[in-house]
């Protein structure tokens, strides 16, 4: 995907969008709305990666990261957006291990926590941990159950004032805007994995308020395929208003929580965007089955 030197930027960006659009062969123009032709968060992330490789321009660092049309993307490229921020926020996860030493014994006793298969989480190197999601309680449980420091995406609504922003940052959380193609959060996630970190992603994308699993989104599989990192499936029981590992339901006190890590799913890096998206669908299905198996009958 190397641009010819004499091809105008507008034309080159238009060709790139057409090449990366989920539906091949679409006739695009500068006013085409990316979402209308199927560019979701992962499609926009593929576009941002391709533009950085071709032009050396970082869309995640643009003043307006929520690009709507082909023309807006081309304008950012022509403006020559260079790196303006750290890909990983300063102090991210700085206090997690200290907080874990203090809080873990209390929270583990309160929740009657059982952790199984912790040795399936690699002690070092990049890894994605993919649990099911039933409750806000899942986040502290993910932190205290993990055998190493982890980072995690948290919905933007949990942030919003200096106290909460600092709290989540210190504990290892960074925001993701779920309503838009948030290329900044994808960029942060990629940087953490590139640096050898462990990243927790909830593939359901939001909490399931029943005991039923929601359909998995493709973000975890896409990241794994783009970077060639393993995914550890994780089944969590007892954080919501449903029976825990002993069959007893206690919504507010005396929870019975089990966290089970499955064997890592080894993933080979896939550099081609279209092939990556196709493989991500298959890998997401494999991951869903693996997490379901950890939840038991």
Protein backbone atom coordinates (compact mmCIF):
# COMPACT_ATOMS: atom_id res chain seq x y z
CA UNK A 1 0.00 0.00 0.00
CA UNK A 2 2.70 2.47 -1.00
CA UNK A 3 1.45 5.77 -2.44
CA UNK A 4 2.89 7.18 -5.65
CA UNK A 5 4.74 10.46 -4.93
CA UNK A 6 2.71 12.45 -7.46
CA UNK A 7 -0.71 11.25 -6.24
CA UNK A 8 -2.54 14.07 -4.39
CA UNK A 9 -3.24 13.40 -0.74
CA UNK A 10 -7.02 13.65 -1.22
CA UNK A 11 -6.94 11.02 -3.94
CA UNK A 12 -4.59 8.77 -2.01
CA UNK A 13 -6.72 8.91 1.17
CA UNK A 14 -9.86 8.24 -0.86
CA UNK A 15 -8.21 5.18 -2.43
CA UNK A 16 -7.10 3.94 0.99
CA UNK A 17 -10.62 4.26 2.39
CA UNK A 18 -12.02 2.34 -0.57
CA UNK A 19 -9.35 -0.33 -0.16
CA UNK A 20 -10.02 -0.76 3.57
CA UNK A 21 -13.81 -0.44 3.50
CA UNK A 22 -15.49 -3.58 4.86
CA UNK A 23 -17.47 -3.93 1.62
CA UNK A 24 -15.07 -4.08 -1.35
CA UNK A 25 -15.87 -2.27 -4.56
CA UNK A 26 -17.81 0.62 -3.03
CA UNK A 27 -17.78 3.96 -4.87
CA UNK A 28 -16.62 6.52 -2.32
CA UNK A 29 -16.24 10.29 -2.60
CA UNK A 30 -14.75 12.93 -0.23
CA UNK A 31 -18.12 13.47 1.48
CA UNK A 32 -18.71 9.78 2.16
CA UNK A 33 -19.48 9.21 5.84
CA UNK A 34 -17.17 6.46 7.08
CA UNK A 35 -19.79 4.90 9.35
CA UNK A 36 -22.22 4.66 6.42
CA UNK A 37 -19.87 2.33 4.55
CA UNK A 38 -19.15 0.10 7.54
CA UNK A 39 -16.15 1.71 9.23
CA UNK A 40 -16.58 0.76 12.88
CA UNK A 41 -13.92 1.25 15.59
CA UNK A 42 -11.73 -1.49 14.14
CA UNK A 43 -12.13 -0.27 10.58
CA UNK A 44 -11.09 3.22 11.64
CA UNK A 45 -8.17 1.74 13.59
CA UNK A 46 -7.03 -0.10 10.44
CA UNK A 47 -7.27 3.18 8.54
CA UNK A 48 -5.28 5.04 11.20
CA UNK A 49 -2.54 2.39 11.13
CA UNK A 50 -2.36 2.49 7.31
CA UNK A 51 -2.17 6.29 7.25
CA UNK A 52 0.63 6.35 9.82
CA UNK A 53 2.59 3.78 7.84
CA UNK A 54 2.13 5.67 4.56
CA UNK A 55 2.24 9.32 5.57
CA UNK A 56 3.80 9.33 9.05
CA UNK A 57 0.68 11.08 10.34
CA UNK A 58 -0.97 9.95 13.57
CA UNK A 59 -4.76 10.25 13.52
CA UNK A 60 -5.05 9.41 17.25
CA UNK A 61 -3.14 12.61 17.99
CA UNK A 62 -5.28 14.89 15.82
CA UNK A 63 -7.23 17.67 17.53
CA UNK A 64 -10.45 15.94 16.49
CA UNK A 65 -10.06 12.17 16.69
CA UNK A 66 -13.66 11.36 15.73
CA UNK A 67 -13.37 11.58 11.94
CA UNK A 68 -16.70 11.35 10.16
CA UNK A 69 -15.93 11.72 6.45
CA UNK A 70 -13.17 10.88 4.00
CA UNK A 71 -12.58 14.62 3.58
CA UNK A 72 -11.91 15.06 7.32
CA UNK A 73 -9.33 12.28 7.26
CA UNK A 74 -7.61 13.83 4.24
CA UNK A 75 -7.58 17.24 5.95
CA UNK A 76 -5.83 15.76 8.99
CA UNK A 77 -3.25 14.08 6.77
CA UNK A 78 -2.56 17.34 4.91
CA UNK A 79 -2.22 19.15 8.23
CA UNK A 80 0.60 16.71 9.02
CA UNK A 81 -0.50 15.65 12.50
CA UNK A 82 2.57 14.53 14.43
CA UNK A 83 2.75 12.88 17.83
CA UNK A 84 1.38 15.30 20.41
CA UNK A 85 0.83 13.02 23.38
CA UNK A 86 2.20 9.96 25.07
CA UNK A 87 0.49 6.86 23.71
CA UNK A 88 0.40 5.47 27.26
CA UNK A 89 -0.86 8.02 29.81
CA UNK A 90 1.71 9.01 32.40
CA UNK A 91 1.38 7.12 35.73
CA UNK A 92 -1.03 4.54 34.26
CA UNK A 93 -1.24 1.70 36.78
CA UNK A 94 1.43 3.23 39.01
CA UNK A 95 -0.38 2.45 42.29
CA UNK A 96 -2.00 -0.81 41.29
CA UNK A 97 0.44 -3.23 42.92
CA UNK A 98 0.53 -1.26 46.19
CA UNK A 99 -3.27 -1.02 46.29
CA UNK A 100 -3.51 -4.72 45.49
CA UNK A 101 -1.35 -5.69 48.47
CA UNK A 102 -3.66 -3.77 50.80
CA UNK A 103 -7.05 -4.49 49.25
CA UNK A 104 -6.67 -8.06 48.00
CA UNK A 105 -6.94 -9.87 51.36
CA UNK A 106 -10.06 -7.88 52.28
CA UNK A 107 -11.77 -8.19 48.92
CA UNK A 108 -10.86 -11.86 48.52
CA UNK A 109 -12.32 -12.68 51.94
CA UNK A 110 -15.46 -10.63 51.28
CA UNK A 111 -16.06 -12.30 47.93
CA UNK A 112 -14.92 -15.81 48.93
CA UNK A 113 -12.70 -15.54 45.86
CA UNK A 114 -11.45 -18.66 44.14
CA UNK A 115 -8.88 -18.30 41.37
CA UNK A 116 -8.21 -21.21 39.03
CA UNK A 117 -5.67 -21.56 36.25
CA UNK A 118 -3.62 -18.48 37.16
CA UNK A 119 -0.55 -20.18 35.71
CA UNK A 120 -2.22 -19.90 32.28
CA UNK A 121 -1.48 -16.17 32.37
CA UNK A 122 2.07 -15.65 31.05
CA UNK A 123 4.26 -14.14 33.76
CA UNK A 124 5.89 -11.75 31.29
CA UNK A 125 5.30 -10.44 27.80
CA UNK A 126 2.21 -9.12 26.04
CA UNK A 127 -1.10 -10.86 26.65
CA UNK A 128 -4.79 -10.12 26.31
CA UNK A 129 -7.07 -11.36 29.08
CA UNK A 130 -10.70 -11.68 27.97
CA UNK A 131 -13.32 -12.19 30.72
CA UNK A 132 -17.09 -12.19 30.58
CA UNK A 133 -18.74 -9.11 32.12
CA UNK A 134 -21.58 -9.13 34.65
CA UNK A 135 -20.96 -6.28 37.08
CA UNK A 136 -18.85 -3.24 37.87
CA UNK A 137 -17.36 -5.52 40.53
CA UNK A 138 -15.62 -7.34 37.65
CA UNK A 139 -12.98 -4.60 37.40
CA UNK A 140 -11.52 -4.82 40.93
CA UNK A 141 -11.84 -8.60 40.78
CA UNK A 142 -9.86 -8.67 37.50
CA UNK A 143 -7.10 -6.66 39.18
CA UNK A 144 -6.80 -8.69 42.38
CA UNK A 145 -7.20 -12.10 40.70
CA UNK A 146 -4.53 -11.53 38.05
CA UNK A 147 -1.06 -12.89 38.91
CA UNK A 148 0.59 -9.78 37.42
CA UNK A 149 -0.15 -6.12 36.89
CA UNK A 150 -2.90 -5.57 34.35
CA UNK A 151 -4.29 -2.60 32.45
CA UNK A 152 -7.89 -2.27 31.39
CA UNK A 153 -10.27 -0.24 29.27
CA UNK A 154 -13.13 1.41 31.17
CA UNK A 155 -16.11 3.17 29.67
CA UNK A 156 -15.76 6.95 29.40
CA UNK A 157 -18.74 7.47 31.73
CA UNK A 158 -16.67 6.22 34.70
CA UNK A 159 -14.31 9.15 34.25
CA UNK A 160 -15.25 12.83 34.09
CA UNK A 161 -13.80 14.63 37.11
CA UNK A 162 -10.24 14.98 38.44
CA UNK A 163 -10.73 12.57 41.36
CA UNK A 164 -12.17 9.72 39.32
CA UNK A 165 -9.75 10.35 36.45
CA UNK A 166 -6.78 10.05 38.82
CA UNK A 167 -8.20 7.01 40.63
CA UNK A 168 -8.74 4.98 37.45
CA UNK A 169 -5.39 6.08 36.03
CA UNK A 170 -3.45 5.02 39.12
CA UNK A 171 -5.22 1.65 39.15
CA UNK A 172 -4.47 0.95 35.47
CA UNK A 173 -7.65 2.05 33.68
CA UNK A 174 -7.96 4.25 30.62
CA UNK A 175 -11.18 5.48 28.99
CA UNK A 176 -12.88 4.21 25.86
CA UNK A 177 -15.75 6.01 24.14
CA UNK A 178 -18.18 3.30 23.16
CA UNK A 179 -20.45 5.45 20.98
CA UNK A 180 -17.79 6.38 18.40
CA UNK A 181 -14.79 4.96 16.60
CA UNK A 182 -12.33 5.69 19.40
CA UNK A 183 -8.94 5.35 17.72
CA UNK A 184 -7.19 6.86 20.73
CA UNK A 185 -8.18 4.04 23.08
CA UNK A 186 -7.20 1.45 20.46
CA UNK A 187 -3.85 3.21 20.09
CA UNK A 188 -3.27 3.13 23.87
CA UNK A 189 -4.20 -0.56 24.00
CA UNK A 190 -1.78 -1.32 21.17
CA UNK A 191 1.02 0.61 22.86
CA UNK A 192 0.53 -1.29 26.13
CA UNK A 193 0.75 -4.62 24.35
CA UNK A 194 3.73 -3.50 22.27
CA UNK A 195 5.43 -2.66 25.56
CA UNK A 196 4.86 -6.18 26.93
CA UNK A 197 1.85 -5.38 29.12
CA UNK A 198 -1.17 -7.46 30.13
CA UNK A 199 -4.44 -5.91 28.93
CA UNK A 200 -7.91 -6.86 30.15
CA UNK A 201 -10.65 -6.42 27.54
CA UNK A 202 -14.29 -7.39 28.04
CA UNK A 203 -15.32 -8.78 24.62
CA UNK A 204 -19.03 -8.32 25.36
CA UNK A 205 -18.42 -4.57 25.34
CA UNK A 206 -20.87 -3.94 28.17
CA UNK A 207 -22.31 -5.69 31.18
CA UNK A 208 -24.80 -8.50 30.71
CA UNK A 209 -27.58 -8.01 33.26
CA UNK A 210 -28.64 -11.63 32.94
CA UNK A 211 -26.68 -14.85 33.25
CA UNK A 212 -26.60 -15.07 29.45
CA UNK A 213 -23.48 -14.18 27.49
CA UNK A 214 -23.79 -11.24 25.13
CA UNK A 215 -22.33 -11.54 21.61
CA UNK A 216 -18.60 -10.89 21.59
CA UNK A 217 -17.21 -7.87 19.77
CA UNK A 218 -14.09 -8.24 17.66
CA UNK A 219 -11.70 -5.84 19.43
CA UNK A 220 -9.70 -8.40 21.40
CA UNK A 221 -9.27 -10.66 18.37
CA UNK A 222 -8.29 -7.71 16.15
CA UNK A 223 -5.59 -6.56 18.58
CA UNK A 224 -4.26 -10.09 18.98
CA UNK A 225 -4.04 -10.60 15.22
CA UNK A 226 -2.52 -7.20 14.52
CA UNK A 227 0.25 -7.68 17.10
CA UNK A 228 0.52 -11.47 17.29
CA UNK A 229 -0.18 -11.76 21.03
CA UNK A 230 -1.95 -14.58 22.91
CA UNK A 231 -5.44 -14.29 24.37
CA UNK A 232 -6.24 -15.88 27.72
CA UNK A 233 -9.97 -16.63 28.04
CA UNK A 234 -11.36 -15.92 31.50
CA UNK A 235 -14.62 -17.04 33.06
CA UNK A 236 -15.98 -15.08 36.02
CA UNK A 237 -18.89 -16.31 38.14
CA UNK A 238 -20.57 -14.60 41.08
CA UNK A 239 -19.95 -10.89 40.54
CA UNK A 240 -23.53 -10.14 39.48
CA UNK A 241 -26.93 -10.93 40.94
CA UNK A 242 -26.66 -14.60 40.09
CA UNK A 243 -25.35 -17.65 41.94
CA UNK A 244 -21.64 -17.89 42.58
CA UNK A 245 -19.41 -20.94 42.56
CA UNK A 246 -21.37 -22.62 45.38
CA UNK A 247 -24.79 -21.94 43.85
CA UNK A 248 -25.66 -19.22 46.37
CA UNK A 249 -26.77 -15.77 45.29
CA UNK A 250 -25.92 -12.83 47.55
CA UNK A 251 -26.13 -9.57 45.58
CA UNK A 252 -24.51 -7.19 48.05
CA UNK A 253 -22.69 -9.09 50.77
CA UNK A 254 -21.00 -12.44 51.03
CA UNK A 255 -20.45 -12.99 47.33
CA UNK A 256 -19.06 -16.28 46.05
CA UNK A 257 -16.78 -15.43 43.14
CA UNK A 258 -14.73 -17.74 40.96
CA UNK A 259 -12.23 -16.56 38.35
CA UNK A 260 -10.98 -19.25 35.97
CA UNK A 261 -8.25 -18.63 33.39
CA UNK A 262 -8.19 -20.96 30.40
CA UNK A 263 -5.25 -22.04 28.30
CA UNK A 264 -3.84 -19.22 26.16
CA UNK A 265 -5.04 -19.04 22.57
CA UNK A 266 -1.88 -18.59 20.51
CA UNK A 267 -2.30 -16.06 17.71
CA UNK A 268 -0.06 -15.40 14.72
CA UNK A 269 0.32 -11.82 13.52
CA UNK A 270 -1.77 -10.97 10.45
CA UNK A 271 -0.54 -7.84 8.64
CA UNK A 272 -3.20 -7.66 5.92
CA UNK A 273 -6.21 -5.60 7.14
CA UNK A 274 -8.91 -7.44 5.16
CA UNK A 275 -7.58 -10.87 6.07
CA UNK A 276 -7.24 -9.71 9.68
CA UNK A 277 -10.90 -8.73 9.84
CA UNK A 278 -11.97 -12.12 8.46
CA UNK A 279 -9.73 -14.01 10.85
CA UNK A 280 -10.96 -11.86 13.73
CA UNK A 281 -14.50 -13.18 13.22
CA UNK A 282 -13.31 -16.77 13.47
CA UNK A 283 -11.05 -16.04 16.44
CA UNK A 284 -13.87 -14.21 18.25
CA UNK A 285 -16.08 -17.28 17.91
CA UNK A 286 -13.29 -19.48 19.28
CA UNK A 287 -12.83 -17.09 22.21
CA UNK A 288 -16.55 -17.03 23.00
CA UNK A 289 -16.63 -20.84 23.14
CA UNK A 290 -13.55 -20.90 25.39
CA UNK A 291 -15.03 -18.42 27.88
CA UNK A 292 -18.35 -20.26 27.91
CA UNK A 293 -16.54 -23.50 28.69
CA UNK A 294 -14.94 -21.89 31.74
CA UNK A 295 -18.33 -20.87 33.12
CA UNK A 296 -19.43 -24.47 33.40
CA UNK A 297 -22.86 -25.98 32.68
